[in-house]
Amino acid sequence: KEKRNDDKLVKKSEVDYENAADWKVYEGEQTSPLDYL
């Protein structure tokens, strides 16, 4: 049984270990990665 997926999504291309302060976290109820394509 799938759980409700409302966790934070982070774009993989933004996982830059040298510029952590610039990372963006996308939050929201039932967020879908498709929203950001």
PDB file of all heavy atoms in Angstrom:
ATOM      1  N   LYS A   1       0.844  -1.195   0.000  1.00  0.00           N
ATOM      2  CA  LYS A   1       0.000   0.000   0.000  1.00  0.00           C
ATOM      3  C   LYS A   1       0.878   1.243   0.000  1.00  0.00           C
ATOM      4  O   LYS A   1       1.746   1.396   0.868  1.00  0.00           O
ATOM      5  CB  LYS A   1      -0.910   0.016   1.235  1.00  0.00           C
ATOM      6  CG  LYS A   1      -1.982  -1.068   1.229  1.00  0.00           C
ATOM      7  CD  LYS A   1      -2.880  -0.944   2.445  1.00  0.00           C
ATOM      8  CE  LYS A   1      -3.988  -1.997   2.413  1.00  0.00           C
ATOM      9  NZ  LYS A   1      -4.878  -1.885   3.610  1.00  0.00           N
ATOM     10  N   GLU A   2       0.660   2.084  -0.986  1.00  0.00           N
ATOM     11  CA  GLU A   2       1.444   3.313  -1.088  1.00  0.00           C
ATOM     12  C   GLU A   2       1.050   4.281   0.015  1.00  0.00           C
ATOM     13  O   GLU A   2      -0.122   4.402   0.382  1.00  0.00           O
ATOM     14  CB  GLU A   2       1.222   3.981  -2.446  1.00  0.00           C
ATOM     15  CG  GLU A   2       1.667   3.143  -3.625  1.00  0.00           C
ATOM     16  CD  GLU A   2       3.166   2.940  -3.655  1.00  0.00           C
ATOM     17  OE1 GLU A   2       3.885   3.815  -3.140  1.00  0.00           O
ATOM     18  OE2 GLU A   2       3.613   1.915  -4.196  1.00  0.00           O
ATOM     19  N   LYS A   3       2.069   4.974   0.548  1.00  0.00           N
ATOM     20  CA  LYS A   3       1.811   6.007   1.538  1.00  0.00           C
ATOM     21  C   LYS A   3       1.615   7.336   0.847  1.00  0.00           C
ATOM     22  O   LYS A   3       1.997   7.535  -0.299  1.00  0.00           O
ATOM     23  CB  LYS A   3       2.977   6.107   2.524  1.00  0.00           C
ATOM     24  CG  LYS A   3       3.169   4.851   3.353  1.00  0.00           C
ATOM     25  CD  LYS A   3       4.407   4.971   4.214  1.00  0.00           C
ATOM     26  CE  LYS A   3       4.670   3.689   4.988  1.00  0.00           C
ATOM     27  NZ  LYS A   3       5.930   3.734   5.738  1.00  0.00           N
ATOM     28  N   ARG A   4       1.023   8.277   1.551  1.00  0.00           N
ATOM     29  CA  ARG A   4       0.842   9.611   0.998  1.00  0.00           C
ATOM     30  C   ARG A   4       2.197  10.249   0.763  1.00  0.00           C
ATOM     31  O   ARG A   4       3.033  10.297   1.648  1.00  0.00           O
ATOM     32  CB  ARG A   4       0.027  10.465   1.983  1.00  0.00           C
ATOM     33  CG  ARG A   4      -0.267  11.858   1.451  1.00  0.00           C
ATOM     34  CD  ARG A   4      -1.018  12.642   2.505  1.00  0.00           C
ATOM     35  NE  ARG A   4      -1.236  14.001   2.067  1.00  0.00           N
ATOM     36  CZ  ARG A   4      -1.738  14.963   2.843  1.00  0.00           C
ATOM     37  NH1 ARG A   4      -2.078  14.690   4.077  1.00  0.00           N
ATOM     38  NH2 ARG A   4      -1.913  16.170   2.378  1.00  0.00           N
ATOM     39  N   ASN A   5       2.412  10.727  -0.449  1.00  0.00           N
ATOM     40  CA  ASN A   5       3.730  11.255  -0.819  1.00  0.00           C
ATOM     41  C   ASN A   5       3.727  12.775  -0.797  1.00  0.00           C
ATOM     42  O   ASN A   5       3.519  13.433  -1.802  1.00  0.00           O
ATOM     43  CB  ASN A   5       4.123  10.763  -2.209  1.00  0.00           C
ATOM     44  CG  ASN A   5       5.539  11.141  -2.564  1.00  0.00           C
ATOM     45  OD1 ASN A   5       6.341  11.418  -1.680  1.00  0.00           O
ATOM     46  ND2 ASN A   5       5.847  11.162  -3.840  1.00  0.00           N
ATOM     47  N   ASP A   6       3.957  13.345   0.367  1.00  0.00           N
ATOM     48  CA  ASP A   6       4.007  14.810   0.471  1.00  0.00           C
ATOM     49  C   ASP A   6       5.341  15.266   1.027  1.00  0.00           C
ATOM     50  O   ASP A   6       5.477  16.306   1.637  1.00  0.00           O
ATOM     51  CB  ASP A   6       2.875  15.348   1.360  1.00  0.00           C
ATOM     52  CG  ASP A   6       2.913  14.750   2.767  1.00  0.00           C
ATOM     53  OD1 ASP A   6       3.764  13.869   3.006  1.00  0.00           O
ATOM     54  OD2 ASP A   6       2.102  15.172   3.603  1.00  0.00           O
ATOM     55  N   ASP A   7       6.360  14.410   0.815  1.00  0.00           N
ATOM     56  CA  ASP A   7       7.688  14.758   1.317  1.00  0.00           C
ATOM     57  C   ASP A   7       8.353  15.773   0.406  1.00  0.00           C
ATOM     58  O   ASP A   7       7.882  16.108  -0.656  1.00  0.00           O
ATOM     59  CB  ASP A   7       8.578  13.513   1.420  1.00  0.00           C
ATOM     60  CG  ASP A   7       8.571  12.730   0.129  1.00  0.00           C
ATOM     61  OD1 ASP A   7       7.502  12.198  -0.207  1.00  0.00           O
ATOM     62  OD2 ASP A   7       9.616  12.692  -0.538  1.00  0.00           O
ATOM     63  N   LYS A   8       9.489  16.274   0.862  1.00  0.00           N
ATOM     64  CA  LYS A   8      10.222  17.300   0.117  1.00  0.00           C
ATOM     65  C   LYS A   8      10.977  16.675  -1.047  1.00  0.00           C
ATOM     66  O   LYS A   8      11.557  15.615  -0.923  1.00  0.00           O
ATOM     67  CB  LYS A   8      11.216  18.011   1.050  1.00  0.00           C
ATOM     68  CG  LYS A   8      10.531  18.702   2.207  1.00  0.00           C
ATOM     69  CD  LYS A   8      11.553  19.281   3.156  1.00  0.00           C
ATOM     70  CE  LYS A   8      10.897  19.975   4.330  1.00  0.00           C
ATOM     71  NZ  LYS A   8      11.867  20.497   5.286  1.00  0.00           N
ATOM     72  N   LEU A   9      10.945  17.367  -2.157  1.00  0.00           N
ATOM     73  CA  LEU A   9      11.646  16.913  -3.356  1.00  0.00           C
ATOM     74  C   LEU A   9      12.765  17.872  -3.679  1.00  0.00           C
ATOM     75  O   LEU A   9      12.570  19.074  -3.672  1.00  0.00           O
ATOM     76  CB  LEU A   9      10.682  16.835  -4.540  1.00  0.00           C
ATOM     77  CG  LEU A   9       9.597  15.756  -4.464  1.00  0.00           C
ATOM     78  CD1 LEU A   9       8.563  16.013  -5.545  1.00  0.00           C
ATOM     79  CD2 LEU A   9      10.197  14.386  -4.644  1.00  0.00           C
ATOM     80  N   VAL A  10      13.924  17.332  -3.967  1.00  0.00           N
ATOM     81  CA  VAL A  10      15.073  18.164  -4.313  1.00  0.00           C
ATOM     82  C   VAL A  10      15.578  17.749  -5.684  1.00  0.00           C
ATOM     83  O   VAL A  10      15.749  16.573  -5.953  1.00  0.00           O
ATOM     84  CB  VAL A  10      16.200  18.001  -3.266  1.00  0.00           C
ATOM     85  CG1 VAL A  10      17.397  18.861  -3.631  1.00  0.00           C
ATOM     86  CG2 VAL A  10      15.678  18.381  -1.889  1.00  0.00           C
ATOM     87  N   LYS A  11      15.772  18.729  -6.569  1.00  0.00           N
ATOM     88  CA  LYS A  11      16.246  18.421  -7.913  1.00  0.00           C
ATOM     89  C   LYS A  11      17.662  17.880  -7.831  1.00  0.00           C
ATOM     90  O   LYS A  11      18.533  18.480  -7.226  1.00  0.00           O
ATOM     91  CB  LYS A  11      16.208  19.679  -8.780  1.00  0.00           C
ATOM     92  CG  LYS A  11      16.476  19.391 -10.253  1.00  0.00           C
ATOM     93  CD  LYS A  11      16.433  20.642 -11.084  1.00  0.00           C
ATOM     94  CE  LYS A  11      15.030  21.160 -11.223  1.00  0.00           C
ATOM     95  NZ  LYS A  11      14.962  22.275 -12.214  1.00  0.00           N
ATOM     96  N   LYS A  12      17.883  16.717  -8.463  1.00  0.00           N
ATOM     97  CA  LYS A  12      19.181  16.055  -8.355  1.00  0.00           C
ATOM     98  C   LYS A  12      20.301  16.903  -8.934  1.00  0.00           C
ATOM     99  O   LYS A  12      21.414  16.900  -8.435  1.00  0.00           O
ATOM    100  CB  LYS A  12      19.125  14.701  -9.066  1.00  0.00           C
ATOM    101  CG  LYS A  12      20.365  13.838  -8.807  1.00  0.00           C
ATOM    102  CD  LYS A  12      20.159  12.427  -9.267  1.00  0.00           C
ATOM    103  CE  LYS A  12      21.349  11.561  -8.896  1.00  0.00           C
ATOM    104  NZ  LYS A  12      21.145  10.154  -9.247  1.00  0.00           N
ATOM    105  N   SER A  13      20.005  17.638  -9.993  1.00  0.00           N
ATOM    106  CA  SER A  13      21.046  18.464 -10.612  1.00  0.00           C
ATOM    107  C   SER A  13      21.507  19.569  -9.678  1.00  0.00           C
ATOM    108  O   SER A  13      22.529  20.190  -9.891  1.00  0.00           O
ATOM    109  CB  SER A  13      20.533  19.078 -11.916  1.00  0.00           C
ATOM    110  OG  SER A  13      19.411  19.901 -11.668  1.00  0.00           O
ATOM    111  N   GLU A  14      20.713  19.829  -8.609  1.00  0.00           N
ATOM    112  CA  GLU A  14      21.071  20.891  -7.688  1.00  0.00           C
ATOM    113  C   GLU A  14      21.858  20.391  -6.486  1.00  0.00           C
ATOM    114  O   GLU A  14      22.185  21.151  -5.588  1.00  0.00           O
ATOM    115  CB  GLU A  14      19.798  21.603  -7.208  1.00  0.00           C
ATOM    116  CG  GLU A  14      19.163  22.428  -8.322  1.00  0.00           C
ATOM    117  CD  GLU A  14      17.744  22.821  -8.009  1.00  0.00           C
ATOM    118  OE1 GLU A  14      17.231  22.389  -6.970  1.00  0.00           O
ATOM    119  OE2 GLU A  14      17.156  23.550  -8.812  1.00  0.00           O
ATOM    120  N   VAL A  15      22.154  19.078  -6.451  1.00  0.00           N
ATOM    121  CA  VAL A  15      22.972  18.553  -5.367  1.00  0.00           C
ATOM    122  C   VAL A  15      24.421  18.878  -5.690  1.00  0.00           C
ATOM    123  O   VAL A  15      25.174  18.072  -6.197  1.00  0.00           O
ATOM    124  CB  VAL A  15      22.767  17.033  -5.201  1.00  0.00           C
ATOM    125  CG1 VAL A  15      23.575  16.526  -4.024  1.00  0.00           C
ATOM    126  CG2 VAL A  15      21.305  16.725  -4.989  1.00  0.00           C
ATOM    127  N   ASP A  16      24.790  20.104  -5.408  1.00  0.00           N
ATOM    128  CA  ASP A  16      26.136  20.596  -5.711  1.00  0.00           C
ATOM    129  C   ASP A  16      26.850  20.792  -4.380  1.00  0.00           C
ATOM    130  O   ASP A  16      26.545  21.711  -3.630  1.00  0.00           O
ATOM    131  CB  ASP A  16      26.022  21.921  -6.473  1.00  0.00           C
ATOM    132  CG  ASP A  16      27.389  22.481  -6.832  1.00  0.00           C
ATOM    133  OD1 ASP A  16      28.401  22.008  -6.301  1.00  0.00           O
ATOM    134  OD2 ASP A  16      27.422  23.409  -7.633  1.00  0.00           O
ATOM    135  N   TYR A  17      27.801  19.930  -4.088  1.00  0.00           N
ATOM    136  CA  TYR A  17      28.419  19.939  -2.768  1.00  0.00           C
ATOM    137  C   TYR A  17      29.271  21.168  -2.515  1.00  0.00           C
ATOM    138  O   TYR A  17      29.731  21.386  -1.414  1.00  0.00           O
ATOM    139  CB  TYR A  17      29.266  18.674  -2.608  1.00  0.00           C
ATOM    140  CG  TYR A  17      28.460  17.409  -2.621  1.00  0.00           C
ATOM    141  CD1 TYR A  17      28.988  16.246  -3.146  1.00  0.00           C
ATOM    142  CD2 TYR A  17      27.164  17.385  -2.132  1.00  0.00           C
ATOM    143  CE1 TYR A  17      28.246  15.071  -3.170  1.00  0.00           C
ATOM    144  CE2 TYR A  17      26.409  16.215  -2.160  1.00  0.00           C
ATOM    145  CZ  TYR A  17      26.970  15.076  -2.675  1.00  0.00           C
ATOM    146  OH  TYR A  17      26.231  13.921  -2.705  1.00  0.00           O
ATOM    147  N   GLU A  18      29.484  21.982  -3.533  1.00  0.00           N
ATOM    148  CA  GLU A  18      30.309  23.170  -3.335  1.00  0.00           C
ATOM    149  C   GLU A  18      29.480  24.429  -3.154  1.00  0.00           C
ATOM    150  O   GLU A  18      29.987  25.481  -2.825  1.00  0.00           O
ATOM    151  CB  GLU A  18      31.247  23.348  -4.537  1.00  0.00           C
ATOM    152  CG  GLU A  18      32.231  22.206  -4.684  1.00  0.00           C
ATOM    153  CD  GLU A  18      33.076  22.361  -5.922  1.00  0.00           C
ATOM    154  OE1 GLU A  18      33.185  23.490  -6.419  1.00  0.00           O
ATOM    155  OE2 GLU A  18      33.617  21.352  -6.400  1.00  0.00           O
ATOM    156  N   ASN A  19      28.173  24.322  -3.417  1.00  0.00           N
ATOM    157  CA  ASN A  19      27.314  25.499  -3.322  1.00  0.00           C
ATOM    158  C   ASN A  19      26.023  25.144  -2.601  1.00  0.00           C
ATOM    159  O   ASN A  19      24.924  25.336  -3.125  1.00  0.00           O
ATOM    160  CB  ASN A  19      26.997  26.045  -4.721  1.00  0.00           C
ATOM    161  CG  ASN A  19      28.257  26.441  -5.471  1.00  0.00           C
ATOM    162  OD1 ASN A  19      28.868  27.435  -5.145  1.00  0.00           O
ATOM    163  ND2 ASN A  19      28.647  25.641  -6.452  1.00  0.00           N
ATOM    164  N   ALA A  20      26.174  24.611  -1.395  1.00  0.00           N
ATOM    165  CA  ALA A  20      25.000  24.137  -0.668  1.00  0.00           C
ATOM    166  C   ALA A  20      23.986  25.230  -0.397  1.00  0.00           C
ATOM    167  O   ALA A  20      22.782  24.983  -0.350  1.00  0.00           O
ATOM    168  CB  ALA A  20      25.439  23.515   0.664  1.00  0.00           C
ATOM    169  N   ALA A  21      24.452  26.460  -0.221  1.00  0.00           N
ATOM    170  CA  ALA A  21      23.538  27.544   0.110  1.00  0.00           C
ATOM    171  C   ALA A  21      22.584  27.848  -1.040  1.00  0.00           C
ATOM    172  O   ALA A  21      21.534  28.459  -0.828  1.00  0.00           O
ATOM    173  CB  ALA A  21      24.326  28.802   0.464  1.00  0.00           C
ATOM    174  N   ASP A  22      22.908  27.409  -2.249  1.00  0.00           N
ATOM    175  CA  ASP A  22      22.082  27.713  -3.409  1.00  0.00           C
ATOM    176  C   ASP A  22      21.061  26.623  -3.699  1.00  0.00           C
ATOM    177  O   ASP A  22      20.288  26.732  -4.634  1.00  0.00           O
ATOM    178  CB  ASP A  22      22.958  27.891  -4.660  1.00  0.00           C
ATOM    179  CG  ASP A  22      23.877  29.090  -4.514  1.00  0.00           C
ATOM    180  OD1 ASP A  22      23.492  30.012  -3.794  1.00  0.00           O
ATOM    181  OD2 ASP A  22      24.951  29.081  -5.122  1.00  0.00           O
ATOM    182  N   TRP A  23      21.053  25.551  -2.924  1.00  0.00           N
ATOM    183  CA  TRP A  23      20.135  24.464  -3.211  1.00  0.00           C
ATOM    184  C   TRP A  23      18.709  24.904  -2.984  1.00  0.00           C
ATOM    185  O   TRP A  23      18.413  25.743  -2.144  1.00  0.00           O
ATOM    186  CB  TRP A  23      20.418  23.256  -2.324  1.00  0.00           C
ATOM    187  CG  TRP A  23      21.754  22.673  -2.566  1.00  0.00           C
ATOM    188  CD1 TRP A  23      22.539  22.850  -3.667  1.00  0.00           C
ATOM    189  CD2 TRP A  23      22.490  21.852  -1.686  1.00  0.00           C
ATOM    190  NE1 TRP A  23      23.700  22.179  -3.542  1.00  0.00           N
ATOM    191  CE2 TRP A  23      23.713  21.557  -2.332  1.00  0.00           C
ATOM    192  CE3 TRP A  23      22.249  21.321  -0.431  1.00  0.00           C
ATOM    193  CZ2 TRP A  23      24.665  20.765  -1.757  1.00  0.00           C
ATOM    194  CZ3 TRP A  23      23.194  20.532   0.143  1.00  0.00           C
ATOM    195  CH2 TRP A  23      24.395  20.257  -0.517  1.00  0.00           C
ATOM    196  N   LYS A  24      17.790  24.293  -3.733  1.00  0.00           N
ATOM    197  CA  LYS A  24      16.381  24.604  -3.575  1.00  0.00           C
ATOM    198  C   LYS A  24      15.645  23.343  -3.152  1.00  0.00           C
ATOM    199  O   LYS A  24      15.906  22.267  -3.645  1.00  0.00           O
ATOM    200  CB  LYS A  24      15.794  25.114  -4.893  1.00  0.00           C
ATOM    201  CG  LYS A  24      16.450  26.410  -5.373  1.00  0.00           C
ATOM    202  CD  LYS A  24      15.895  26.816  -6.704  1.00  0.00           C
ATOM    203  CE  LYS A  24      16.586  28.072  -7.222  1.00  0.00           C
ATOM    204  NZ  LYS A  24      16.118  28.444  -8.568  1.00  0.00           N
ATOM    205  N   VAL A  25      14.710  23.498  -2.239  1.00  0.00           N
ATOM    206  CA  VAL A  25      13.875  22.390  -1.802  1.00  0.00           C
ATOM    207  C   VAL A  25      12.446  22.733  -2.181  1.00  0.00           C
ATOM    208  O   VAL A  25      11.963  23.815  -1.870  1.00  0.00           O
ATOM    209  CB  VAL A  25      13.983  22.173  -0.272  1.00  0.00           C
ATOM    210  CG1 VAL A  25      13.063  21.052   0.159  1.00  0.00           C
ATOM    211  CG2 VAL A  25      15.417  21.859   0.107  1.00  0.00           C
ATOM    212  N   TYR A  26      11.789  21.816  -2.869  1.00  0.00           N
ATOM    213  CA  TYR A  26      10.423  22.039  -3.301  1.00  0.00           C
ATOM    214  C   TYR A  26       9.492  21.360  -2.302  1.00  0.00           C
ATOM    215  O   TYR A  26       9.598  20.169  -2.056  1.00  0.00           O
ATOM    216  CB  TYR A  26      10.220  21.463  -4.706  1.00  0.00           C
ATOM    217  CG  TYR A  26      11.118  22.089  -5.715  1.00  0.00           C
ATOM    218  CD1 TYR A  26      12.375  21.542  -6.005  1.00  0.00           C
ATOM    219  CD2 TYR A  26      10.747  23.253  -6.375  1.00  0.00           C
ATOM    220  CE1 TYR A  26      13.214  22.129  -6.929  1.00  0.00           C
ATOM    221  CE2 TYR A  26      11.583  23.837  -7.314  1.00  0.00           C
ATOM    222  CZ  TYR A  26      12.803  23.269  -7.581  1.00  0.00           C
ATOM    223  OH  TYR A  26      13.633  23.850  -8.492  1.00  0.00           O
ATOM    224  N   GLU A  27       8.584  22.120  -1.728  1.00  0.00           N
ATOM    225  CA  GLU A  27       7.695  21.590  -0.715  1.00  0.00           C
ATOM    226  C   GLU A  27       6.252  21.729  -1.166  1.00  0.00           C
ATOM    227  O   GLU A  27       5.912  22.551  -1.995  1.00  0.00           O
ATOM    228  CB  GLU A  27       7.881  22.322   0.616  1.00  0.00           C
ATOM    229  CG  GLU A  27       9.315  22.277   1.146  1.00  0.00           C
ATOM    230  CD  GLU A  27       9.431  23.004   2.460  1.00  0.00           C
ATOM    231  OE1 GLU A  27       8.728  22.617   3.385  1.00  0.00           O
ATOM    232  OE2 GLU A  27      10.204  23.958   2.537  1.00  0.00           O
ATOM    233  N   GLY A  28       5.374  20.961  -0.560  1.00  0.00           N
ATOM    234  CA  GLY A  28       3.963  21.122  -0.848  1.00  0.00           C
ATOM    235  C   GLY A  28       3.204  19.834  -0.665  1.00  0.00           C
ATOM    236  O   GLY A  28       3.777  18.758  -0.564  1.00  0.00           O
ATOM    237  N   GLU A  29       1.889  19.935  -0.625  1.00  0.00           N
ATOM    238  CA  GLU A  29       1.050  18.775  -0.460  1.00  0.00           C
ATOM    239  C   GLU A  29       1.036  17.958  -1.749  1.00  0.00           C
ATOM    240  O   GLU A  29       0.797  18.483  -2.842  1.00  0.00           O
ATOM    241  CB  GLU A  29      -0.386  19.229  -0.123  1.00  0.00           C
ATOM    242  CG  GLU A  29      -0.502  19.916   1.242  1.00  0.00           C
ATOM    243  CD  GLU A  29      -0.252  18.950   2.376  1.00  0.00           C
ATOM    244  OE1 GLU A  29      -0.872  17.878   2.372  1.00  0.00           O
ATOM    245  OE2 GLU A  29       0.566  19.281   3.251  1.00  0.00           O
ATOM    246  N   GLN A  30       1.299  16.666  -1.628  1.00  0.00           N
ATOM    247  CA  GLN A  30       1.256  15.742  -2.756  1.00  0.00           C
ATOM    248  C   GLN A  30       2.021  16.287  -3.965  1.00  0.00           C
ATOM    249  O   GLN A  30       1.518  16.327  -5.087  1.00  0.00           O
ATOM    250  CB  GLN A  30      -0.204  15.450  -3.136  1.00  0.00           C
ATOM    251  CG  GLN A  30      -0.959  14.744  -2.000  1.00  0.00           C
ATOM    252  CD  GLN A  30      -2.388  14.476  -2.372  1.00  0.00           C
ATOM    253  OE1 GLN A  30      -3.008  15.243  -3.092  1.00  0.00           O
ATOM    254  NE2 GLN A  30      -2.940  13.391  -1.868  1.00  0.00           N
ATOM    255  N   THR A  31       3.217  16.754  -3.717  1.00  0.00           N
ATOM    256  CA  THR A  31       4.040  17.306  -4.788  1.00  0.00           C
ATOM    257  C   THR A  31       4.424  16.213  -5.776  1.00  0.00           C
ATOM    258  O   THR A  31       4.792  15.119  -5.383  1.00  0.00           O
ATOM    259  CB  THR A  31       5.328  17.917  -4.201  1.00  0.00           C
ATOM    260  OG1 THR A  31       4.953  18.830  -3.178  1.00  0.00           O
ATOM    261  CG2 THR A  31       6.104  18.654  -5.269  1.00  0.00           C
ATOM    262  N   SER A  32       4.347  16.520  -7.045  1.00  0.00           N
ATOM    263  CA  SER A  32       4.749  15.573  -8.084  1.00  0.00           C
ATOM    264  C   SER A  32       5.950  16.116  -8.823  1.00  0.00           C
ATOM    265  O   SER A  32       5.968  17.292  -9.193  1.00  0.00           O
ATOM    266  CB  SER A  32       3.603  15.357  -9.072  1.00  0.00           C
ATOM    267  OG  SER A  32       4.073  14.653 -10.201  1.00  0.00           O
ATOM    268  N   PRO A  33       6.973  15.278  -9.075  1.00  0.00           N
ATOM    269  CA  PRO A  33       8.128  15.748  -9.848  1.00  0.00           C
ATOM    270  C   PRO A  33       7.730  16.248 -11.232  1.00  0.00           C
ATOM    271  O   PRO A  33       8.409  17.066 -11.820  1.00  0.00           O
ATOM    272  CB  PRO A  33       9.003  14.493  -9.946  1.00  0.00           C
ATOM    273  CG  PRO A  33       8.572  13.624  -8.824  1.00  0.00           C
ATOM    274  CD  PRO A  33       7.123  13.900  -8.620  1.00  0.00           C
ATOM    275  N   LEU A  34       6.607  15.735 -11.754  1.00  0.00           N
ATOM    276  CA  LEU A  34       6.169  16.162 -13.080  1.00  0.00           C
ATOM    277  C   LEU A  34       5.847  17.646 -13.117  1.00  0.00           C
ATOM    278  O   LEU A  34       5.878  18.276 -14.186  1.00  0.00           O
ATOM    279  CB  LEU A  34       4.929  15.356 -13.504  1.00  0.00           C
ATOM    280  CG  LEU A  34       5.153  13.833 -13.652  1.00  0.00           C
ATOM    281  CD1 LEU A  34       3.838  13.160 -13.987  1.00  0.00           C
ATOM    282  CD2 LEU A  34       6.175  13.549 -14.731  1.00  0.00           C
ATOM    283  N   ASP A  35       5.527  18.220 -11.932  1.00  0.00           N
ATOM    284  CA  ASP A  35       5.186  19.644 -11.889  1.00  0.00           C
ATOM    285  C   ASP A  35       6.363  20.510 -12.275  1.00  0.00           C
ATOM    286  O   ASP A  35       6.197  21.669 -12.655  1.00  0.00           O
ATOM    287  CB  ASP A  35       4.715  20.037 -10.480  1.00  0.00           C
ATOM    288  CG  ASP A  35       3.431  19.325 -10.109  1.00  0.00           C
ATOM    289  OD1 ASP A  35       2.696  18.909 -11.029  1.00  0.00           O
ATOM    290  OD2 ASP A  35       3.166  19.196  -8.904  1.00  0.00           O
ATOM    291  N   TYR A  36       7.582  19.964 -12.151  1.00  0.00           N
ATOM    292  CA  TYR A  36       8.765  20.788 -12.360  1.00  0.00           C
ATOM    293  C   TYR A  36       9.475  20.505 -13.673  1.00  0.00           C
ATOM    294  O   TYR A  36      10.508  21.090 -13.951  1.00  0.00           O
ATOM    295  CB  TYR A  36       9.747  20.557 -11.194  1.00  0.00           C
ATOM    296  CG  TYR A  36       9.125  20.813  -9.862  1.00  0.00           C
ATOM    297  CD1 TYR A  36       8.852  19.741  -9.012  1.00  0.00           C
ATOM    298  CD2 TYR A  36       8.774  22.096  -9.461  1.00  0.00           C
ATOM    299  CE1 TYR A  36       8.254  19.948  -7.791  1.00  0.00           C
ATOM    300  CE2 TYR A  36       8.178  22.311  -8.236  1.00  0.00           C
ATOM    301  CZ  TYR A  36       7.924  21.233  -7.394  1.00  0.00           C
ATOM    302  OH  TYR A  36       7.336  21.446  -6.191  1.00  0.00           O
ATOM    303  N   LEU A  37       8.920  19.597 -14.495  1.00  0.00           N
ATOM    304  CA  LEU A  37       9.557  19.294 -15.768  1.00  0.00           C
ATOM    305  C   LEU A  37       9.397  20.447 -16.742  1.00  0.00           C
ATOM    306  O   LEU A  37       8.398  21.165 -16.730  1.00  0.00           O
ATOM    307  CB  LEU A  37       8.955  18.026 -16.372  1.00  0.00           C
ATOM    308  CG  LEU A  37       9.230  16.738 -15.581  1.00  0.00           C
ATOM    309  CD1 LEU A  37       8.567  15.567 -16.279  1.00  0.00           C
ATOM    310  CD2 LEU A  37      10.716  16.488 -15.445  1.00  0.00           C
TER     311      LEU A  37
END
